N, C-alpha and C. Protein backbone atom coordinates (compact mmCIF):
# COMPACT_ATOMS: atom_id res chain seq x y z
N UNK A 1 -24.22 7.75 31.30
CA UNK A 1 -24.19 6.52 30.53
C UNK A 1 -23.00 6.19 29.70
N UNK A 2 -22.15 5.28 29.71
CA UNK A 2 -21.03 5.17 28.93
C UNK A 2 -21.45 4.77 27.38
N UNK A 3 -20.63 5.10 26.38
CA UNK A 3 -20.91 4.50 24.93
C UNK A 3 -20.47 3.00 24.78
N UNK A 4 -20.80 2.67 23.77
CA UNK A 4 -20.35 1.21 23.64
C UNK A 4 -18.77 1.08 23.50
N UNK A 5 -18.28 2.13 22.86
CA UNK A 5 -16.79 2.11 22.56
C UNK A 5 -16.11 2.15 23.80
N UNK A 6 -16.50 3.00 24.82
CA UNK A 6 -15.92 3.08 26.14
C UNK A 6 -16.03 1.92 26.96
N UNK A 7 -17.42 1.29 26.73
CA UNK A 7 -17.57 0.16 27.53
C UNK A 7 -16.46 -1.05 26.96
N UNK A 8 -16.22 -1.25 25.94
CA UNK A 8 -15.42 -2.31 25.31
C UNK A 8 -13.90 -2.01 25.89
N UNK A 9 -13.57 -0.71 25.67
CA UNK A 9 -12.27 -0.18 26.05
C UNK A 9 -11.96 -0.10 27.57
N UNK A 10 -12.99 -0.47 28.23
CA UNK A 10 -13.06 -0.23 29.92
C UNK A 10 -12.40 1.07 30.19
N UNK A 11 -12.96 2.15 29.58
CA UNK A 11 -12.66 3.50 29.99
C UNK A 11 -13.53 4.39 30.24
N UNK A 12 -13.51 5.21 31.14
CA UNK A 12 -14.39 6.17 31.60
C UNK A 12 -14.87 7.14 30.57
N UNK A 13 -16.29 7.03 30.32
CA UNK A 13 -17.05 7.95 29.27
C UNK A 13 -17.52 9.29 29.92
N UNK A 14 -17.45 10.17 29.23
CA UNK A 14 -17.98 11.49 29.65
C UNK A 14 -18.71 12.22 28.54
N UNK A 15 -19.43 13.40 28.77
CA UNK A 15 -20.04 14.13 27.78
C UNK A 15 -19.13 14.43 26.79
N UNK A 16 -17.80 14.68 26.91
CA UNK A 16 -16.93 15.05 25.77
C UNK A 16 -16.14 13.86 25.31
N UNK A 17 -16.83 12.66 25.23
CA UNK A 17 -16.23 11.44 24.70
C UNK A 17 -15.69 11.59 23.34
N UNK A 18 -14.59 11.04 23.10
CA UNK A 18 -14.10 11.24 21.91
C UNK A 18 -14.73 10.17 20.83
N UNK A 19 -14.97 8.90 21.54
CA UNK A 19 -15.58 7.74 20.70
C UNK A 19 -17.22 7.90 20.32
N UNK A 20 -17.76 8.56 21.29
CA UNK A 20 -19.11 8.55 21.08
C UNK A 20 -19.71 9.19 19.86
N UNK A 21 -19.19 10.19 19.27
CA UNK A 21 -19.75 10.63 17.96
C UNK A 21 -19.14 9.76 16.76
N UNK A 22 -18.06 9.16 17.01
CA UNK A 22 -17.58 8.19 15.88
C UNK A 22 -18.47 7.04 15.64
N UNK A 23 -19.15 6.60 16.76
CA UNK A 23 -20.01 5.46 16.56
C UNK A 23 -21.47 5.80 16.08
N UNK A 24 -21.85 6.92 15.85
CA UNK A 24 -23.23 7.10 15.60
C UNK A 24 -23.67 6.42 14.22
N UNK A 25 -22.72 6.29 13.32
CA UNK A 25 -23.21 5.84 11.86
C UNK A 25 -23.30 4.36 12.04
N UNK A 26 -22.91 3.69 13.05
CA UNK A 26 -23.12 2.33 13.34
C UNK A 26 -24.39 2.18 14.04
N UNK A 27 -25.54 1.56 13.76
CA UNK A 27 -26.77 1.50 14.14
C UNK A 27 -26.75 0.62 15.57
N UNK A 28 -26.23 -0.55 15.47
CA UNK A 28 -26.36 -1.54 16.48
C UNK A 28 -25.27 -1.29 17.43
N UNK A 29 -25.65 -1.46 18.81
CA UNK A 29 -24.61 -1.02 19.86
C UNK A 29 -23.56 -2.18 20.04
N UNK A 30 -24.04 -3.49 19.76
CA UNK A 30 -23.18 -4.56 19.76
C UNK A 30 -22.01 -4.22 18.54
N UNK A 31 -22.47 -3.88 17.31
CA UNK A 31 -21.62 -3.65 16.33
C UNK A 31 -20.53 -2.51 16.43
N UNK A 32 -21.25 -1.61 17.29
CA UNK A 32 -20.19 -0.52 17.79
C UNK A 32 -19.15 -0.93 18.55
N UNK A 33 -19.33 -1.82 19.60
CA UNK A 33 -18.45 -2.56 20.45
C UNK A 33 -17.47 -3.42 19.53
N UNK A 34 -18.09 -4.16 18.64
CA UNK A 34 -17.01 -5.03 17.84
C UNK A 34 -16.00 -4.04 17.02
N UNK A 35 -16.73 -3.03 16.57
CA UNK A 35 -15.84 -2.14 15.52
C UNK A 35 -14.60 -1.52 16.35
N UNK A 36 -15.15 -1.05 17.56
CA UNK A 36 -14.17 -0.42 18.68
C UNK A 36 -13.05 -1.50 18.87
N UNK A 37 -13.43 -2.64 19.25
CA UNK A 37 -12.63 -3.50 19.86
C UNK A 37 -11.64 -4.31 18.67
N UNK A 38 -12.11 -4.11 17.44
CA UNK A 38 -11.22 -4.61 16.33
C UNK A 38 -10.16 -3.36 16.17
N UNK A 39 -10.51 -2.12 16.06
CA UNK A 39 -9.75 -1.12 15.88
C UNK A 39 -8.56 -1.01 17.00
N UNK A 40 -9.15 -1.21 18.20
CA UNK A 40 -8.13 -1.17 19.37
C UNK A 40 -7.04 -2.17 19.43
N UNK A 41 -7.53 -3.30 18.80
CA UNK A 41 -6.73 -4.62 18.68
C UNK A 41 -5.69 -4.25 17.55
N UNK A 42 -6.07 -3.52 16.44
CA UNK A 42 -5.24 -3.49 15.31
C UNK A 42 -4.38 -2.33 15.69
N UNK A 43 -4.92 -1.07 16.05
CA UNK A 43 -3.82 0.18 16.15
C UNK A 43 -3.33 0.23 17.54
N UNK A 44 -4.07 -0.45 18.52
CA UNK A 44 -3.78 -0.15 19.85
C UNK A 44 -4.74 0.86 20.57
N UNK A 45 -5.16 0.68 21.74
CA UNK A 45 -6.16 1.48 22.45
C UNK A 45 -5.80 3.09 22.45
N UNK A 46 -4.40 3.39 22.91
CA UNK A 46 -3.98 4.70 23.10
C UNK A 46 -3.79 5.20 21.75
N UNK A 47 -3.26 4.49 20.70
CA UNK A 47 -3.16 5.07 19.27
C UNK A 47 -4.42 5.43 18.72
N UNK A 48 -5.32 4.65 19.06
CA UNK A 48 -6.88 4.62 18.38
C UNK A 48 -7.38 6.21 18.82
N UNK A 49 -7.28 6.15 20.18
CA UNK A 49 -7.79 7.57 20.99
C UNK A 49 -6.99 8.64 20.40
N UNK A 50 -5.60 8.64 20.18
CA UNK A 50 -4.97 9.80 19.90
C UNK A 50 -5.09 10.10 18.38
N UNK A 51 -5.33 9.12 17.59
CA UNK A 51 -5.78 9.46 16.07
C UNK A 51 -6.98 10.18 16.14
N UNK A 52 -7.89 9.69 16.77
CA UNK A 52 -9.41 10.33 16.73
C UNK A 52 -9.38 11.73 17.49
N UNK A 53 -8.54 11.88 18.58
CA UNK A 53 -8.37 13.22 19.17
C UNK A 53 -7.79 14.24 18.34
N UNK A 54 -6.91 13.91 17.63
CA UNK A 54 -6.37 14.72 16.59
C UNK A 54 -6.92 15.43 15.58
N UNK A 55 -8.22 14.82 15.43
CA UNK A 55 -8.98 15.37 14.23
C UNK A 55 -10.17 16.04 14.78
N UNK A 56 -10.55 17.12 14.12
CA UNK A 56 -11.85 18.08 14.51
C UNK A 56 -13.13 17.08 14.60
N UNK A 57 -13.92 17.47 15.51
CA UNK A 57 -15.08 16.65 15.78
C UNK A 57 -15.93 16.42 14.54
N UNK A 58 -16.06 17.27 13.72
CA UNK A 58 -16.89 17.02 12.52
C UNK A 58 -16.34 15.85 11.73
N UNK A 59 -14.88 15.70 11.63
CA UNK A 59 -14.41 14.76 10.87
C UNK A 59 -14.12 13.27 11.64
N UNK A 60 -14.22 13.18 12.83
CA UNK A 60 -14.16 11.81 13.61
C UNK A 60 -14.91 10.78 13.15
N UNK A 61 -16.28 10.85 12.78
CA UNK A 61 -16.82 9.88 12.24
C UNK A 61 -16.33 9.23 10.93
N UNK A 62 -15.86 9.99 10.08
CA UNK A 62 -15.21 9.75 8.83
C UNK A 62 -13.99 9.02 9.17
N UNK A 63 -13.19 9.62 9.98
CA UNK A 63 -11.92 9.02 10.32
C UNK A 63 -12.12 7.72 11.08
N UNK A 64 -13.17 7.40 11.68
CA UNK A 64 -13.47 6.30 12.34
C UNK A 64 -13.64 5.05 11.10
N UNK A 65 -14.42 5.46 10.45
CA UNK A 65 -14.87 4.51 9.25
C UNK A 65 -13.72 4.39 8.38
N UNK A 66 -13.02 5.35 8.10
CA UNK A 66 -11.54 5.08 7.35
C UNK A 66 -10.71 4.22 8.07
N UNK A 67 -10.45 4.36 9.22
CA UNK A 67 -9.48 3.58 9.93
C UNK A 67 -10.16 2.00 10.06
N UNK A 68 -11.50 1.93 9.99
CA UNK A 68 -12.01 0.55 10.16
C UNK A 68 -11.77 -0.09 8.76
N UNK A 69 -11.99 0.62 7.82
CA UNK A 69 -11.81 0.00 6.30
C UNK A 69 -10.31 -0.34 6.06
N UNK A 70 -9.41 0.71 6.49
CA UNK A 70 -8.07 0.27 6.26
C UNK A 70 -7.54 -0.81 7.06
N UNK A 71 -8.10 -0.90 8.38
CA UNK A 71 -7.60 -2.06 9.23
C UNK A 71 -8.11 -3.41 8.50
N UNK A 72 -9.36 -3.38 7.93
CA UNK A 72 -9.92 -4.57 7.39
C UNK A 72 -9.08 -4.72 6.05
N UNK A 73 -8.85 -3.67 5.32
CA UNK A 73 -8.18 -3.97 4.13
C UNK A 73 -6.75 -4.40 4.37
N UNK A 74 -5.99 -4.09 5.36
CA UNK A 74 -4.74 -4.51 5.84
C UNK A 74 -4.77 -6.04 6.33
N UNK A 75 -5.89 -6.27 7.02
CA UNK A 75 -6.02 -7.71 7.48
C UNK A 75 -6.19 -8.68 6.23
N UNK A 76 -7.03 -8.10 5.12
CA UNK A 76 -7.04 -9.07 4.01
C UNK A 76 -5.94 -9.09 3.15
N UNK A 77 -5.30 -7.98 2.97
CA UNK A 77 -4.31 -7.90 2.20
C UNK A 77 -3.04 -6.99 2.80
N UNK A 78 -2.35 -7.64 3.59
CA UNK A 78 -1.34 -6.95 4.40
C UNK A 78 -0.37 -6.20 3.73
N UNK A 79 -0.16 -6.24 2.45
CA UNK A 79 1.00 -5.51 1.64
C UNK A 79 0.31 -4.31 1.13
N UNK A 80 -0.83 -4.42 0.50
CA UNK A 80 -1.35 -3.16 -0.21
C UNK A 80 -2.54 -2.55 0.42
N UNK A 81 -3.13 -3.24 1.48
CA UNK A 81 -4.30 -2.74 2.14
C UNK A 81 -5.51 -2.35 1.30
N UNK A 82 -6.24 -1.42 1.76
CA UNK A 82 -7.56 -1.19 1.04
C UNK A 82 -7.28 -0.55 -0.44
N UNK A 83 -6.34 0.37 -0.53
CA UNK A 83 -5.96 0.69 -1.93
C UNK A 83 -5.66 -0.51 -2.80
N UNK A 84 -4.79 -1.38 -2.34
CA UNK A 84 -4.56 -2.67 -3.16
C UNK A 84 -5.86 -3.37 -3.53
N UNK A 85 -6.86 -3.47 -2.64
CA UNK A 85 -8.13 -4.10 -2.86
C UNK A 85 -8.86 -3.27 -3.80
N UNK A 86 -8.88 -2.10 -3.77
CA UNK A 86 -9.54 -1.22 -4.87
C UNK A 86 -8.94 -1.35 -6.07
N UNK A 87 -7.57 -1.26 -6.20
CA UNK A 87 -6.80 -1.41 -7.48
C UNK A 87 -7.11 -2.77 -8.04
N UNK A 88 -7.26 -3.82 -7.36
CA UNK A 88 -7.46 -5.17 -7.99
C UNK A 88 -8.75 -5.39 -8.20
N UNK A 89 -9.84 -4.57 -7.91
CA UNK A 89 -11.30 -4.79 -8.25
C UNK A 89 -11.92 -5.78 -6.98
N UNK A 90 -11.20 -5.54 -5.76
CA UNK A 90 -11.61 -6.56 -4.60
C UNK A 90 -12.15 -5.64 -3.54
N UNK A 91 -12.88 -4.53 -4.05
CA UNK A 91 -13.48 -3.52 -2.81
C UNK A 91 -14.62 -4.33 -2.12
N UNK A 92 -15.27 -5.17 -2.81
CA UNK A 92 -16.35 -5.74 -2.19
C UNK A 92 -15.92 -6.74 -1.18
N UNK A 93 -14.74 -7.28 -1.29
CA UNK A 93 -14.21 -8.19 -0.21
C UNK A 93 -13.82 -7.15 1.09
N UNK A 94 -13.42 -6.09 0.84
CA UNK A 94 -13.11 -5.01 1.94
C UNK A 94 -14.36 -4.80 2.48
N UNK A 95 -15.45 -4.39 1.74
CA UNK A 95 -16.75 -4.05 2.52
C UNK A 95 -17.51 -5.24 3.17
N UNK A 96 -17.13 -6.47 2.55
CA UNK A 96 -17.76 -7.55 3.38
C UNK A 96 -16.94 -7.99 4.67
N UNK A 97 -15.61 -7.72 4.62
CA UNK A 97 -14.82 -7.81 5.87
C UNK A 97 -15.22 -6.58 6.97
N UNK A 98 -15.57 -5.62 6.50
CA UNK A 98 -16.06 -4.62 7.56
C UNK A 98 -17.64 -5.18 8.16
N UNK A 99 -18.38 -5.61 7.29
CA UNK A 99 -19.60 -6.22 7.69
C UNK A 99 -19.49 -7.47 8.77
N UNK A 100 -18.39 -8.27 8.34
CA UNK A 100 -18.03 -9.38 9.20
C UNK A 100 -17.51 -8.94 10.57
N UNK A 101 -16.66 -7.76 10.67
CA UNK A 101 -16.22 -7.26 11.83
C UNK A 101 -17.23 -6.62 12.67
N UNK A 102 -18.29 -5.98 12.02
CA UNK A 102 -19.48 -5.47 12.77
C UNK A 102 -20.28 -6.49 13.36
N UNK A 103 -20.30 -7.78 12.81
CA UNK A 103 -21.22 -8.94 13.07
C UNK A 103 -20.53 -9.55 14.32
N UNK A 104 -18.97 -9.21 14.59
CA UNK A 104 -18.54 -9.83 15.52
C UNK A 104 -17.51 -10.99 15.28
N UNK A 105 -17.50 -11.38 13.88
CA UNK A 105 -16.58 -12.52 13.36
C UNK A 105 -15.29 -12.12 13.14
N UNK A 106 -14.53 -12.99 12.93
CA UNK A 106 -12.97 -12.87 12.43
C UNK A 106 -12.77 -12.96 11.03
N UNK A 107 -11.97 -11.97 10.55
CA UNK A 107 -11.70 -11.85 9.04
C UNK A 107 -10.23 -12.67 9.02
N UNK A 108 -10.00 -13.29 7.94
CA UNK A 108 -8.69 -13.91 7.66
C UNK A 108 -8.22 -13.25 6.33
N UNK A 109 -6.87 -13.27 6.26
CA UNK A 109 -6.19 -12.62 4.95
C UNK A 109 -6.73 -13.45 3.68
N UNK A 110 -6.72 -12.74 2.60
CA UNK A 110 -7.14 -13.29 1.33
C UNK A 110 -5.84 -14.16 0.87
N UNK A 111 -6.27 -15.17 -0.08
CA UNK A 111 -5.19 -15.69 -0.62
C UNK A 111 -5.20 -15.14 -2.10
N UNK A 112 -4.08 -14.29 -2.55
CA UNK A 112 -4.12 -13.62 -3.68
C UNK A 112 -3.10 -14.43 -4.53
N UNK A 113 -3.69 -15.01 -5.71
CA UNK A 113 -2.75 -15.61 -6.72
C UNK A 113 -1.47 -14.60 -7.08
N UNK A 114 -0.49 -15.29 -7.43
CA UNK A 114 0.78 -14.47 -7.65
C UNK A 114 0.57 -14.22 -9.20
N UNK A 115 0.86 -12.89 -9.47
CA UNK A 115 0.60 -12.46 -10.76
C UNK A 115 1.94 -11.99 -11.37
N UNK A 116 2.19 -12.12 -12.63
CA UNK A 116 3.28 -12.01 -13.47
C UNK A 116 2.80 -10.69 -14.29
N UNK A 117 3.08 -9.46 -13.50
CA UNK A 117 2.61 -8.29 -14.20
C UNK A 117 3.43 -7.91 -15.55
N UNK A 118 4.68 -8.33 -15.58
CA UNK A 118 5.41 -7.85 -16.90
C UNK A 118 5.02 -8.81 -18.01
N UNK A 119 4.64 -10.03 -18.05
CA UNK A 119 4.06 -10.88 -19.07
C UNK A 119 2.76 -10.37 -19.27
N UNK A 120 1.95 -10.10 -18.46
CA UNK A 120 0.62 -9.77 -18.71
C UNK A 120 0.67 -8.24 -19.45
N UNK A 121 1.38 -7.33 -18.91
CA UNK A 121 1.66 -6.10 -19.56
C UNK A 121 2.09 -6.13 -21.01
N UNK A 122 3.09 -6.91 -21.01
CA UNK A 122 3.79 -7.05 -22.46
C UNK A 122 2.91 -7.74 -23.51
N UNK A 123 2.07 -8.81 -22.84
CA UNK A 123 1.07 -9.46 -23.92
C UNK A 123 -0.08 -8.49 -24.31
N UNK A 124 -0.49 -7.89 -23.36
CA UNK A 124 -1.78 -7.00 -23.46
C UNK A 124 -1.45 -5.89 -24.41
N UNK A 125 -0.31 -5.15 -24.14
CA UNK A 125 -0.13 -3.84 -24.89
C UNK A 125 0.95 -3.97 -25.86
N UNK A 126 1.58 -5.12 -26.20
CA UNK A 126 2.52 -5.35 -27.07
C UNK A 126 3.80 -4.28 -26.92
N UNK A 127 4.20 -4.00 -25.83
CA UNK A 127 5.11 -3.00 -25.72
C UNK A 127 6.52 -3.68 -25.25
N UNK A 128 7.48 -3.38 -25.93
CA UNK A 128 8.78 -3.85 -25.49
C UNK A 128 9.27 -3.23 -24.31
N UNK A 129 9.37 -3.80 -23.12
CA UNK A 129 9.79 -3.05 -21.77
C UNK A 129 11.42 -3.34 -21.43
N UNK A 130 11.98 -4.02 -22.40
CA UNK A 130 13.49 -4.18 -22.07
C UNK A 130 14.09 -3.00 -22.02
N UNK A 131 15.26 -3.07 -20.98
CA UNK A 131 15.95 -1.55 -20.80
C UNK A 131 16.71 -1.15 -22.17
N UNK A 132 16.69 0.01 -22.29
CA UNK A 132 17.33 0.63 -23.42
C UNK A 132 18.24 1.73 -23.01
N UNK A 133 19.14 1.99 -23.76
CA UNK A 133 20.08 3.09 -23.34
C UNK A 133 19.73 4.37 -24.06
N UNK A 134 19.01 4.41 -25.17
CA UNK A 134 18.58 5.58 -25.71
C UNK A 134 17.28 5.20 -26.43
N UNK A 135 16.38 6.25 -26.59
CA UNK A 135 15.07 6.06 -27.17
C UNK A 135 15.13 6.08 -28.58
N UNK A 136 16.07 6.90 -29.12
CA UNK A 136 16.21 7.06 -30.61
C UNK A 136 17.63 6.61 -31.09
N UNK A 137 17.79 5.60 -31.89
CA UNK A 137 19.14 5.28 -32.36
C UNK A 137 19.26 5.55 -33.93
N UNK A 138 19.99 6.41 -34.09
CA UNK A 138 20.38 6.78 -35.43
C UNK A 138 21.06 6.01 -36.23
N UNK A 139 21.41 6.07 -37.44
CA UNK A 139 22.33 5.24 -38.25
C UNK A 139 23.65 5.33 -37.76
N UNK A 140 24.15 6.50 -37.46
CA UNK A 140 25.41 6.81 -36.88
C UNK A 140 25.75 6.05 -35.70
N UNK A 141 24.79 5.87 -34.66
CA UNK A 141 24.84 5.17 -33.39
C UNK A 141 24.82 3.65 -33.47
N UNK A 142 24.65 3.10 -34.53
CA UNK A 142 24.40 1.82 -34.54
C UNK A 142 25.63 0.72 -34.34
N UNK A 143 26.74 1.31 -34.40
CA UNK A 143 27.80 0.64 -33.85
C UNK A 143 28.29 0.62 -32.47
N UNK A 144 28.85 -0.25 -31.96
CA UNK A 144 29.09 -0.16 -30.35
C UNK A 144 30.02 0.81 -30.09
N UNK A 145 29.85 1.75 -29.16
CA UNK A 145 30.85 2.84 -28.78
C UNK A 145 31.23 2.62 -27.26
N UNK A 146 32.58 2.62 -27.25
CA UNK A 146 33.11 2.59 -25.81
C UNK A 146 34.07 3.68 -25.50
N UNK A 147 33.85 4.36 -24.53
CA UNK A 147 34.86 5.47 -24.23
C UNK A 147 35.43 5.18 -22.76
N UNK A 148 36.65 5.80 -22.46
CA UNK A 148 37.19 5.51 -21.22
C UNK A 148 37.94 6.72 -20.76
N UNK A 149 37.37 7.42 -19.75
CA UNK A 149 37.88 8.65 -19.23
C UNK A 149 38.62 8.43 -18.13
N UNK A 150 39.79 8.67 -17.86
CA UNK A 150 40.67 8.39 -16.65
C UNK A 150 41.04 9.73 -16.03
N UNK A 151 40.56 9.78 -14.78
CA UNK A 151 40.70 11.05 -13.96
C UNK A 151 41.43 10.66 -12.65
N UNK A 152 42.75 10.62 -12.64
CA UNK A 152 43.40 10.16 -11.44
C UNK A 152 43.39 8.82 -10.91
N UNK A 153 42.64 8.38 -10.02
CA UNK A 153 42.51 7.15 -9.51
C UNK A 153 41.23 6.32 -9.90
N UNK A 154 40.37 6.86 -10.67
CA UNK A 154 39.07 6.30 -11.04
C UNK A 154 38.86 6.24 -12.56
N UNK A 155 38.27 5.44 -13.14
CA UNK A 155 38.01 5.24 -14.44
C UNK A 155 36.60 5.04 -14.71
N UNK A 156 35.92 5.82 -15.48
CA UNK A 156 34.58 5.59 -15.84
C UNK A 156 34.39 5.17 -17.40
N UNK A 157 33.65 4.05 -17.52
CA UNK A 157 33.55 3.65 -18.86
C UNK A 157 31.77 3.87 -19.15
N UNK A 158 31.67 4.08 -20.51
CA UNK A 158 30.22 4.24 -20.90
C UNK A 158 30.08 3.23 -21.97
N UNK A 159 28.81 2.63 -22.19
CA UNK A 159 28.72 1.50 -23.01
C UNK A 159 27.33 1.77 -23.76
N UNK A 160 27.45 1.80 -25.03
CA UNK A 160 26.00 1.94 -25.89
C UNK A 160 26.15 0.93 -26.88
N UNK A 161 24.87 0.36 -27.17
CA UNK A 161 24.69 -0.68 -28.20
C UNK A 161 23.57 -0.39 -29.18
N UNK A 162 23.68 -0.88 -30.50
CA UNK A 162 22.48 -0.88 -31.28
C UNK A 162 21.49 -1.95 -30.97
N UNK A 163 21.80 -2.91 -30.31
CA UNK A 163 20.93 -3.76 -29.92
C UNK A 163 20.37 -3.52 -28.60
N UNK A 164 19.22 -2.96 -28.75
CA UNK A 164 18.64 -2.20 -27.42
C UNK A 164 18.20 -3.59 -26.55
N UNK A 165 18.70 -3.43 -25.27
CA UNK A 165 18.38 -4.43 -24.21
C UNK A 165 19.24 -5.83 -24.48
N UNK A 166 20.21 -5.86 -25.23
CA UNK A 166 21.08 -6.91 -25.31
C UNK A 166 22.48 -6.46 -25.23
N UNK A 167 23.24 -7.31 -24.52
CA UNK A 167 24.81 -6.94 -24.55
C UNK A 167 25.60 -7.58 -25.73
N UNK A 168 26.37 -6.99 -26.19
CA UNK A 168 27.29 -7.49 -27.16
C UNK A 168 28.53 -7.99 -26.62
N UNK A 169 28.94 -9.07 -26.46
CA UNK A 169 30.13 -9.68 -25.60
C UNK A 169 29.83 -9.59 -24.34
N UNK A 170 30.95 -9.49 -23.51
CA UNK A 170 30.94 -9.21 -22.07
C UNK A 170 30.37 -8.01 -21.71
N UNK A 171 29.61 -7.78 -20.62
CA UNK A 171 29.34 -6.36 -20.11
C UNK A 171 30.48 -5.71 -19.54
N UNK A 172 30.35 -4.50 -19.79
CA UNK A 172 31.57 -3.70 -19.34
C UNK A 172 31.38 -3.11 -17.88
N UNK A 173 32.29 -3.35 -17.05
CA UNK A 173 32.17 -2.83 -15.71
C UNK A 173 32.88 -1.47 -15.41
N UNK A 174 32.25 -0.71 -14.45
CA UNK A 174 32.90 0.39 -14.16
C UNK A 174 34.04 0.34 -13.02
N UNK A 175 35.25 0.69 -13.35
CA UNK A 175 36.27 0.72 -12.24
C UNK A 175 36.23 2.16 -11.62
N UNK A 176 35.60 2.32 -10.55
CA UNK A 176 35.38 3.52 -10.04
C UNK A 176 36.44 3.75 -8.79
N UNK A 177 36.80 2.79 -8.08
CA UNK A 177 37.63 2.93 -6.96
C UNK A 177 38.90 1.97 -6.96
N UNK A 178 39.84 2.39 -7.96
CA UNK A 178 40.87 1.51 -8.28
C UNK A 178 42.10 2.08 -7.49
């Protein structure tokens, strides 16, 4: 008798079936079919089978579960996936998406509000994150220094300022290919 995964994929099932052991952690046969169909749509049938075949039999159920969570995470948050959901504290949303897939329903991407990490980070930690040229500025280096090194056809200029993160006057350009 064929397993639920092979039935959904319309593939011949045997005693050495790759999917049979992967689906044992899912109790309901319909849920096994929904999970297999979702992963086959997400990764492709042949890719799913080759992913699972490449892993030792002992690790296949964990791989199947991991692929299911990653596919659900990427569906919810296409940019960051399951790691992004964990990082933002939305692990519960990923777990609910897996439950939704197992029940046979369709999951939709989350609407994540745009966050301005720079302003939040600067406000929370009171750290100045403006670009600087050196971390320690001594009294000698408080004046603006400009040096020009001429080597054949190219010129290189370096610019240092006492006002960290601010330009004094016009910004200096590098003439490398004159």
